[in-house]
């Protein structure tokens, strides 16, 4: 065996004999050898061989079976319902233990020791009988609680399956609606209205994770991005490199989100690289969401919660960070200077936001208002409050 160099990392030193591996990857031949030795011991009548072979086979079988069993029990114990059931049993045992510590059972023991069978019968019929009925009621309660937990889990799983089927049907329906037989985009005004109606309907009927899946599909399919049109038939124009040309000033997207996501619960969802295209996200919950490479320029984020959200390379505005201003209803955005292109960030909770760039911090400090400035990581010292409220 070639010796390892002295500076080799200790974590890479591995033994190559069978039992140095994980218990689940142990070879199966020791079990066959053990079983053969046990049979040989039974046939020859050798107690020593039978004892040694049985103990060895028992140890090898335990190494194979115990780890998965322990993991299974650990998974069982991690369920909230199992913990609550064990906690209830522990509570009962604690009550019994405290009653013994404070001698609450002494009067009953005294009566049983006195030999007064009338009193003993009365206690047995009254106190112990009532206690037994209480225990039966508690057992029935535990069984009912477990049944409720199982039904709830099954209902949750069924809802997830139904939601996945709904999203798949939506994606297929949108694809058939806006594409022709050759797979090219064919979105006439009626198709766009129907697509927006379907999107609004499905977003209102699914949870946050489902909303994130739908938004990722729409964004990566460039159905939310303003596309350049030919100004005759309104068809999207190809950019000459295998995609459709983008036009932020006069372009028309296939689907406009508008206020579909106002007040939406998108907590802890994957929203990476989504082009929200000036959507209304007012009072939405974006806590712990991943907004990396997301386009929030022109979006209305008033009163939304971004606590612990990841905003690495997130676009908050176009143009320069010193001249960019929030979007306004009657203001035509200037994508060179950034005037009217920025996100509306008033009263947004930026607490513990991750990966906020210096330019984005300057913009948010300038336009988030006095109440939100204190929540921005790194502070807003030296940055003027341009919102002035």
Protein backbone atom coordinates (compact mmCIF):
# COMPACT_ATOMS: atom_id res chain seq x y z
CA UNK A 1 0.00 0.00 0.00
CA UNK A 2 1.47 3.35 -1.02
CA UNK A 3 1.90 5.64 2.01
CA UNK A 4 0.08 8.95 1.95
CA UNK A 5 2.06 12.18 2.24
CA UNK A 6 2.34 13.65 5.70
CA UNK A 7 0.45 16.81 4.71
CA UNK A 8 -2.54 14.86 3.35
CA UNK A 9 -5.85 15.98 4.94
CA UNK A 10 -6.93 13.62 7.68
CA UNK A 11 -10.52 13.68 6.39
CA UNK A 12 -9.36 11.83 3.27
CA UNK A 13 -7.80 8.92 5.16
CA UNK A 14 -10.18 6.00 4.62
CA UNK A 15 -9.94 2.41 5.72
CA UNK A 16 -10.77 -0.16 3.09
CA UNK A 17 -11.75 -3.11 5.22
CA UNK A 18 -15.47 -3.96 5.07
CA UNK A 19 -16.60 -2.68 8.47
CA UNK A 20 -15.10 0.81 7.91
CA UNK A 21 -18.02 1.61 5.63
CA UNK A 22 -21.51 2.83 6.39
CA UNK A 23 -23.70 0.18 8.09
CA UNK A 24 -26.13 0.16 5.16
CA UNK A 25 -23.29 -0.58 2.70
CA UNK A 26 -21.81 -3.54 4.59
CA UNK A 27 -21.34 -6.62 2.40
CA UNK A 28 -23.94 -9.36 2.64
CA UNK A 29 -21.49 -12.28 2.74
CA UNK A 30 -20.85 -12.08 6.54
CA UNK A 31 -24.55 -12.81 7.06
CA UNK A 32 -24.30 -15.91 4.86
CA UNK A 33 -21.19 -17.02 6.73
CA UNK A 34 -22.90 -16.47 10.05
CA UNK A 35 -26.01 -18.37 8.98
CA UNK A 36 -23.83 -21.22 7.70
CA UNK A 37 -21.89 -21.33 10.96
CA UNK A 38 -25.14 -21.47 12.94
CA UNK A 39 -26.38 -24.39 10.84
CA UNK A 40 -23.04 -26.11 11.24
CA UNK A 41 -23.21 -25.63 15.00
CA UNK A 42 -26.72 -27.07 15.09
CA UNK A 43 -25.68 -30.10 13.03
CA UNK A 44 -22.49 -30.85 14.96
CA UNK A 45 -23.92 -29.98 18.37
CA UNK A 46 -21.02 -27.62 19.13
CA UNK A 47 -22.31 -25.12 21.68
CA UNK A 48 -19.25 -22.88 21.41
CA UNK A 49 -19.51 -22.62 17.62
CA UNK A 50 -23.27 -22.05 17.91
CA UNK A 51 -22.83 -19.30 20.52
CA UNK A 52 -20.07 -17.47 18.65
CA UNK A 53 -21.86 -17.73 15.29
CA UNK A 54 -25.18 -16.56 16.79
CA UNK A 55 -23.62 -13.55 18.53
CA UNK A 56 -21.68 -12.56 15.42
CA UNK A 57 -24.69 -12.90 13.15
CA UNK A 58 -26.79 -10.95 15.65
CA UNK A 59 -24.27 -8.09 15.65
CA UNK A 60 -24.04 -7.97 11.85
CA UNK A 61 -27.83 -8.08 11.45
CA UNK A 62 -28.20 -5.30 14.03
CA UNK A 63 -25.73 -3.14 12.10
CA UNK A 64 -27.84 -3.62 8.98
CA UNK A 65 -31.26 -3.11 10.56
CA UNK A 66 -30.85 -0.60 13.40
CA UNK A 67 -29.80 2.56 11.42
CA UNK A 68 -32.86 2.61 9.11
CA UNK A 69 -35.14 1.75 12.03
CA UNK A 70 -33.68 4.58 14.10
CA UNK A 71 -34.11 7.02 11.22
CA UNK A 72 -37.71 5.90 10.79
CA UNK A 73 -38.40 6.45 14.49
CA UNK A 74 -36.67 9.82 14.32
CA UNK A 75 -38.94 10.84 11.44
CA UNK A 76 -41.95 9.68 13.44
CA UNK A 77 -40.85 11.66 16.48
CA UNK A 78 -40.32 14.78 14.38
CA UNK A 79 -44.03 14.91 13.50
CA UNK A 80 -45.85 17.55 15.60
CA UNK A 81 -48.73 15.15 16.21
CA UNK A 82 -46.42 12.49 17.68
CA UNK A 83 -44.72 15.07 19.88
CA UNK A 84 -48.05 16.32 21.17
CA UNK A 85 -49.22 12.76 21.94
CA UNK A 86 -46.00 12.00 23.84
CA UNK A 87 -46.32 15.33 25.64
CA UNK A 88 -49.84 14.39 26.76
CA UNK A 89 -48.65 11.03 28.08
CA UNK A 90 -45.77 12.77 29.83
CA UNK A 91 -48.21 15.19 31.41
CA UNK A 92 -50.26 12.29 32.81
CA UNK A 93 -47.17 10.59 34.19
CA UNK A 94 -46.00 13.87 35.72
CA UNK A 95 -49.35 14.30 37.49
CA UNK A 96 -49.13 10.74 38.85
CA UNK A 97 -45.54 11.30 39.96
CA UNK A 98 -46.35 14.56 41.77
CA UNK A 99 -49.31 12.93 43.49
CA UNK A 100 -46.92 10.28 44.85
CA UNK A 101 -44.37 12.90 45.92
CA UNK A 102 -46.97 14.88 47.91
CA UNK A 103 -48.56 11.72 49.41
CA UNK A 104 -51.94 12.37 47.83
CA UNK A 105 -52.51 8.62 47.70
CA UNK A 106 -51.88 8.12 51.45
CA UNK A 107 -55.59 8.39 52.51
CA UNK A 108 -56.52 5.66 50.04
CA UNK A 109 -53.61 3.46 51.16
CA UNK A 110 -54.68 3.94 54.78
CA UNK A 111 -58.23 2.88 53.98
CA UNK A 112 -57.00 -0.22 52.11
CA UNK A 113 -54.69 -1.09 55.01
CA UNK A 114 -57.53 -0.78 57.57
CA UNK A 115 -59.46 -3.69 56.08
CA UNK A 116 -62.75 -1.73 55.95
CA UNK A 117 -64.22 -3.47 52.91
CA UNK A 118 -67.25 -1.17 52.73
CA UNK A 119 -65.03 1.87 52.39
CA UNK A 120 -62.74 0.02 50.00
CA UNK A 121 -65.71 -0.94 47.81
CA UNK A 122 -67.03 2.62 47.81
CA UNK A 123 -63.63 3.97 46.78
CA UNK A 124 -63.20 1.33 44.11
CA UNK A 125 -66.63 2.02 42.68
CA UNK A 126 -66.48 5.80 42.91
CA UNK A 127 -62.92 7.12 42.70
CA UNK A 128 -61.13 4.37 40.78
CA UNK A 129 -64.09 3.85 38.46
CA UNK A 130 -64.22 7.56 37.67
CA UNK A 131 -60.45 7.61 37.16
CA UNK A 132 -60.73 4.69 34.76
CA UNK A 133 -63.43 6.45 32.78
CA UNK A 134 -61.24 9.54 32.58
CA UNK A 135 -58.36 7.43 31.25
CA UNK A 136 -60.64 5.84 28.68
CA UNK A 137 -61.80 9.29 27.62
CA UNK A 138 -58.18 10.44 27.30
CA UNK A 139 -57.30 7.38 25.20
CA UNK A 140 -60.28 8.09 22.96
CA UNK A 141 -59.16 11.72 22.72
CA UNK A 142 -55.62 10.67 21.70
CA UNK A 143 -57.00 8.29 19.05
CA UNK A 144 -59.33 10.98 17.72
CA UNK A 145 -56.47 13.51 17.63
CA UNK A 146 -54.24 11.09 15.74
CA UNK A 147 -57.03 10.41 13.26
CA UNK A 148 -57.56 14.14 12.78
CA UNK A 149 -53.81 14.66 12.19
CA UNK A 150 -53.68 11.86 9.63
CA UNK A 151 -56.75 13.21 7.83
CA UNK A 152 -55.22 16.69 7.84
CA UNK A 153 -51.96 15.41 6.38
CA UNK A 154 -53.77 13.46 3.69
CA UNK A 155 -55.90 16.50 2.87
CA UNK A 156 -52.77 18.64 2.56
CA UNK A 157 -51.14 16.12 0.23
CA UNK A 158 -54.30 15.90 -1.87
CA UNK A 159 -54.45 19.70 -2.10
CA UNK A 160 -50.84 19.78 -3.28
CA UNK A 161 -51.57 17.20 -5.97
CA UNK A 162 -54.67 19.11 -7.08
CA UNK A 163 -52.70 22.38 -7.18
CA UNK A 164 -49.94 20.78 -9.27
CA UNK A 165 -52.57 19.52 -11.73
CA UNK A 166 -54.14 22.98 -11.85
CA UNK A 167 -50.80 24.61 -12.64
CA UNK A 168 -49.99 22.03 -15.33
CA UNK A 169 -53.40 22.58 -16.92
CA UNK A 170 -52.88 26.36 -16.78
CA UNK A 171 -49.47 26.16 -18.44
CA UNK A 172 -50.80 23.90 -21.18
CA UNK A 173 -53.83 26.12 -21.74
CA UNK A 174 -51.77 29.32 -21.98
CA UNK A 175 -49.30 27.67 -24.35
CA UNK A 176 -52.09 26.50 -26.66
CA UNK A 177 -53.85 29.87 -26.48
CA UNK A 178 -51.00 32.18 -27.55
CA UNK A 179 -49.00 29.99 -29.94
CA UNK A 180 -49.78 28.90 -33.48
CA UNK A 181 -49.20 25.54 -35.11
CA UNK A 182 -45.56 26.39 -35.79
CA UNK A 183 -44.91 27.34 -32.18
CA UNK A 184 -44.62 31.08 -32.87
CA UNK A 185 -46.23 33.68 -30.63
CA UNK A 186 -49.71 34.63 -31.83
CA UNK A 187 -51.30 36.87 -29.25
CA UNK A 188 -54.20 38.84 -30.65
CA UNK A 189 -56.04 41.19 -28.23
CA UNK A 190 -58.64 38.55 -27.39
CA UNK A 191 -55.95 35.97 -26.64
CA UNK A 192 -54.15 38.45 -24.38
CA UNK A 193 -57.34 39.23 -22.46
CA UNK A 194 -58.13 35.54 -22.03
CA UNK A 195 -54.56 34.85 -20.93
CA UNK A 196 -54.73 37.62 -18.32
CA UNK A 197 -58.09 36.35 -17.10
CA UNK A 198 -56.78 32.81 -16.71
CA UNK A 199 -53.69 34.08 -14.91
CA UNK A 200 -55.74 36.17 -12.48
CA UNK A 201 -58.01 33.19 -11.82
CA UNK A 202 -55.25 30.68 -11.15
CA UNK A 203 -53.19 33.09 -8.99
CA UNK A 204 -56.19 33.65 -6.73
CA UNK A 205 -56.74 29.90 -6.18
CA UNK A 206 -53.23 28.63 -5.29
CA UNK A 207 -50.80 29.18 -2.41
CA UNK A 208 -47.53 31.09 -2.39
CA UNK A 209 -45.39 28.26 -3.75
CA UNK A 210 -47.88 27.72 -6.57
CA UNK A 211 -47.88 31.44 -7.38
CA UNK A 212 -44.08 31.36 -7.59
CA UNK A 213 -44.19 28.44 -10.05
CA UNK A 214 -46.70 30.24 -12.27
CA UNK A 215 -44.67 33.46 -12.18
CA UNK A 216 -41.45 31.64 -13.05
CA UNK A 217 -43.14 30.03 -16.06
CA UNK A 218 -44.63 33.29 -17.29
CA UNK A 219 -41.40 35.23 -16.84
CA UNK A 220 -39.03 32.69 -18.38
CA UNK A 221 -41.44 32.30 -21.29
CA UNK A 222 -41.17 36.13 -21.67
CA UNK A 223 -44.91 36.52 -21.37
CA UNK A 224 -44.49 39.30 -18.77
CA UNK A 225 -41.83 41.26 -20.65
CA UNK A 226 -42.89 44.16 -22.95
CA UNK A 227 -42.22 42.95 -26.49
CA UNK A 228 -41.54 45.09 -29.54
CA UNK A 229 -44.51 45.12 -31.97
CA UNK A 230 -44.67 45.79 -35.72
CA UNK A 231 -47.30 48.59 -35.32
CA UNK A 232 -49.42 47.03 -38.08
CA UNK A 233 -50.80 43.71 -36.89
CA UNK A 234 -49.35 44.11 -33.40
CA UNK A 235 -47.27 40.98 -33.70
CA UNK A 236 -44.11 40.54 -31.65
CA UNK A 237 -40.87 41.08 -33.60
CA UNK A 238 -37.98 38.64 -33.50
CA UNK A 239 -34.65 40.03 -32.35
CA UNK A 240 -32.60 38.05 -34.87
CA UNK A 241 -30.94 35.84 -32.26
CA UNK A 242 -33.67 33.31 -31.55
CA UNK A 243 -35.88 35.40 -29.30
CA UNK A 244 -38.34 38.28 -29.29
CA UNK A 245 -37.16 41.88 -29.10
CA UNK A 246 -37.79 43.76 -25.86
CA UNK A 247 -39.23 47.26 -25.86
CA UNK A 248 -39.66 48.86 -22.43
CA UNK A 249 -41.03 52.12 -23.77
CA UNK A 250 -43.71 51.13 -26.30
CA UNK A 251 -43.72 47.33 -26.06
CA UNK A 252 -46.77 45.30 -25.05
CA UNK A 253 -46.45 42.17 -22.88
CA UNK A 254 -48.63 39.15 -23.46
CA UNK A 255 -49.79 39.24 -19.83
CA UNK A 256 -49.85 42.27 -17.54
CA UNK A 257 -49.94 41.35 -13.85
CA UNK A 258 -51.31 44.74 -12.81
CA UNK A 259 -52.88 44.22 -9.34
CA UNK A 260 -53.06 40.40 -9.39
CA UNK A 261 -50.39 40.16 -6.68
CA UNK A 262 -51.49 43.01 -4.41
CA UNK A 263 -51.40 41.69 -0.83
CA UNK A 264 -50.17 38.27 -1.99
CA UNK A 265 -48.43 35.88 0.40
CA UNK A 266 -45.12 35.02 -1.31
CA UNK A 267 -43.15 34.31 1.84
CA UNK A 268 -40.11 32.02 1.44
CA UNK A 269 -40.69 31.48 -2.29
CA UNK A 270 -38.28 31.25 -5.21
CA UNK A 271 -38.79 34.38 -7.32
CA UNK A 272 -35.40 34.50 -9.02
CA UNK A 273 -35.08 36.22 -12.41
CA UNK A 274 -38.76 37.13 -12.60
CA UNK A 275 -39.69 40.25 -14.58
CA UNK A 276 -42.61 41.72 -12.62
CA UNK A 277 -42.93 44.54 -15.22
CA UNK A 278 -44.32 47.31 -13.00
CA UNK A 279 -46.75 45.00 -11.18
CA UNK A 280 -48.68 46.12 -8.11
CA UNK A 281 -47.10 44.30 -5.13
CA UNK A 282 -48.57 46.62 -2.51
CA UNK A 283 -48.73 45.10 1.00
CA UNK A 284 -47.38 41.79 -0.28
CA UNK A 285 -45.44 39.41 1.96
CA UNK A 286 -41.99 38.77 0.47
CA UNK A 287 -40.25 37.76 3.69
CA UNK A 288 -37.39 35.30 3.22
CA UNK A 289 -38.08 35.20 -0.54
CA UNK A 290 -35.28 34.83 -3.08
CA UNK A 291 -35.46 37.88 -5.35
CA UNK A 292 -32.04 37.48 -6.95
CA UNK A 293 -31.84 38.96 -10.47
CA UNK A 294 -35.53 39.93 -10.21
CA UNK A 295 -36.80 43.04 -12.01
CA UNK A 296 -38.74 45.17 -9.51
CA UNK A 297 -38.31 48.43 -11.42
CA UNK A 298 -41.57 50.35 -11.56
CA UNK A 299 -43.35 47.97 -9.17
CA UNK A 300 -45.51 49.29 -6.36
CA UNK A 301 -44.02 47.79 -3.17
CA UNK A 302 -45.73 50.18 -0.75
CA UNK A 303 -46.12 48.56 2.66
CA UNK A 304 -44.70 45.22 1.57
CA UNK A 305 -42.46 43.08 3.82
CA UNK A 306 -38.99 42.12 2.58
CA UNK A 307 -37.51 40.97 5.89
CA UNK A 308 -34.59 38.55 5.29
CA UNK A 309 -35.26 38.52 1.53
CA UNK A 310 -32.33 37.90 -0.84
CA UNK A 311 -31.95 40.79 -3.28
CA UNK A 312 -28.64 39.97 -4.98
CA UNK A 313 -28.45 41.92 -8.28
CA UNK A 314 -32.12 42.79 -8.05
CA UNK A 315 -33.12 45.64 -10.37
CA UNK A 316 -34.86 48.45 -8.49
CA UNK A 317 -34.58 51.14 -11.19
CA UNK A 318 -33.13 51.94 -14.61
CA UNK A 319 -30.55 54.62 -15.32
CA UNK A 320 -28.31 56.11 -12.62
CA UNK A 321 -28.96 55.59 -8.92
CA UNK A 322 -28.67 59.33 -8.14
CA UNK A 323 -31.21 60.46 -10.75
CA UNK A 324 -33.63 57.51 -10.63
CA UNK A 325 -37.07 58.26 -9.15
CA UNK A 326 -40.08 56.06 -8.36
CA UNK A 327 -42.67 55.39 -11.03
CA UNK A 328 -45.71 57.67 -11.20
CA UNK A 329 -49.04 57.04 -12.95
CA UNK A 330 -48.91 60.02 -15.33
CA UNK A 331 -45.15 60.19 -15.78
CA UNK A 332 -43.53 58.68 -18.89
CA UNK A 333 -40.48 56.74 -17.66
CA UNK A 334 -37.05 57.77 -18.91
CA UNK A 335 -34.93 54.63 -19.07
CA UNK A 336 -31.70 56.57 -19.62
CA UNK A 337 -31.82 58.89 -16.61
CA UNK A 338 -34.04 56.57 -14.54
CA UNK A 339 -36.72 59.20 -13.89
CA UNK A 340 -40.02 57.43 -13.29
CA UNK A 341 -38.53 53.94 -13.61
CA UNK A 342 -37.84 53.04 -9.99
CA UNK A 343 -39.81 50.84 -7.61
CA UNK A 344 -42.16 52.50 -5.13
CA UNK A 345 -40.58 51.45 -1.81
CA UNK A 346 -42.43 53.64 0.69
CA UNK A 347 -42.97 51.98 4.10
CA UNK A 348 -41.24 48.76 3.00
CA UNK A 349 -39.72 46.60 5.75
CA UNK A 350 -36.09 46.01 4.72
CA UNK A 351 -34.99 44.38 7.99
CA UNK A 352 -32.11 41.92 7.51
CA UNK A 353 -32.35 42.08 3.71
CA UNK A 354 -29.42 40.17 2.20
CA UNK A 355 -27.04 41.22 -0.59
CA UNK A 356 -28.39 44.76 -1.01
CA UNK A 357 -25.97 46.58 -3.33
CA UNK A 358 -24.69 50.10 -2.45
CA UNK A 359 -26.58 51.62 -5.40
CA UNK A 360 -29.81 49.90 -4.38
CA UNK A 361 -29.27 50.96 -0.75
CA UNK A 362 -28.87 54.58 -1.85
CA UNK A 363 -32.06 54.45 -3.91
CA UNK A 364 -34.10 52.73 -1.21
CA UNK A 365 -32.84 55.10 1.49
CA UNK A 366 -33.77 58.05 -0.72
CA UNK A 367 -37.33 56.95 -1.49
CA UNK A 368 -38.54 54.60 1.28
CA UNK A 369 -39.52 57.26 3.81
CA UNK A 370 -38.40 57.94 7.37
CA UNK A 371 -40.08 54.88 8.90
CA UNK A 372 -38.34 52.42 6.56
CA UNK A 373 -34.90 54.05 6.56
CA UNK A 374 -34.14 52.59 9.99
CA UNK A 375 -34.75 49.04 8.71
CA UNK A 376 -32.24 49.13 5.83
CA UNK A 377 -29.05 47.14 6.57
CA UNK A 378 -26.04 49.41 6.76
CA UNK A 379 -28.12 52.44 7.63
CA UNK A 380 -28.85 55.58 5.62
CA UNK A 381 -26.34 57.97 7.14
CA UNK A 382 -25.41 60.71 4.67
CA UNK A 383 -28.15 59.76 2.21
CA UNK A 384 -30.90 62.39 1.85
CA UNK A 385 -34.55 61.52 2.44
CA UNK A 386 -35.93 62.57 -0.92
CA UNK A 387 -39.42 61.31 -0.14
CA UNK A 388 -39.56 63.98 2.59
CA UNK A 389 -42.00 62.04 4.77
